[in-house]
Amino acid sequence: MPKIKLLPQNTLVDVSEDKDLYSELKEKGIHINSTCGGCASCAKCIITVVEGEENLNEIPFEEKQLLGNVFHITKERLACQVKASGPATIDISMHEQTKSKPVIKRRKKEDVSKMIEERKEKRKERPKKLGGGRKPKAFDFREDKES
């Protein structure tokens, strides 16, 4: 079984040669973003190959359709299409899960009514807008009008 080194965690993972990397990592509890579930249609499971690209399968047609033929420049592949036949090092830092967002608590009705009253008080303190007080007259376009 080939060993894959995952960066930035620096962990080694044993993968089978007949399964794609996305499925293997998912089974081992390692999160990889994907909306298609590994069908090569969303291109969200992008990984970066750091070392051992010769031990990975050739780029299939589906992957070339989504990413193009830029692997030699970017070293990016789809995890759902990569099968390893030997040791490799890949970077999955784009898939690290961020900490959960803070929960916004609802306010009590008393707090809300207090906030509304404070806002009303602030509006009263504002200076009134200055202006002419009258609206301008509309321009008359009629030609037959005599002055």
Foldseek 3Di string as FASTA:
>chain_A
DAWEQEPPVRDIDDDDQVAFQQVRCVVVVHFADDDVSLPLDPPRRKKAWDDDPVQKDDADPSFCVVPNDCCVPGRIGHRSRIGGRYYTYIYRPVGDDDDDDDDDDDDDPVVVVVVVVVVVVVVVPDDDDDDPPDDDDDDDPDPPDDD
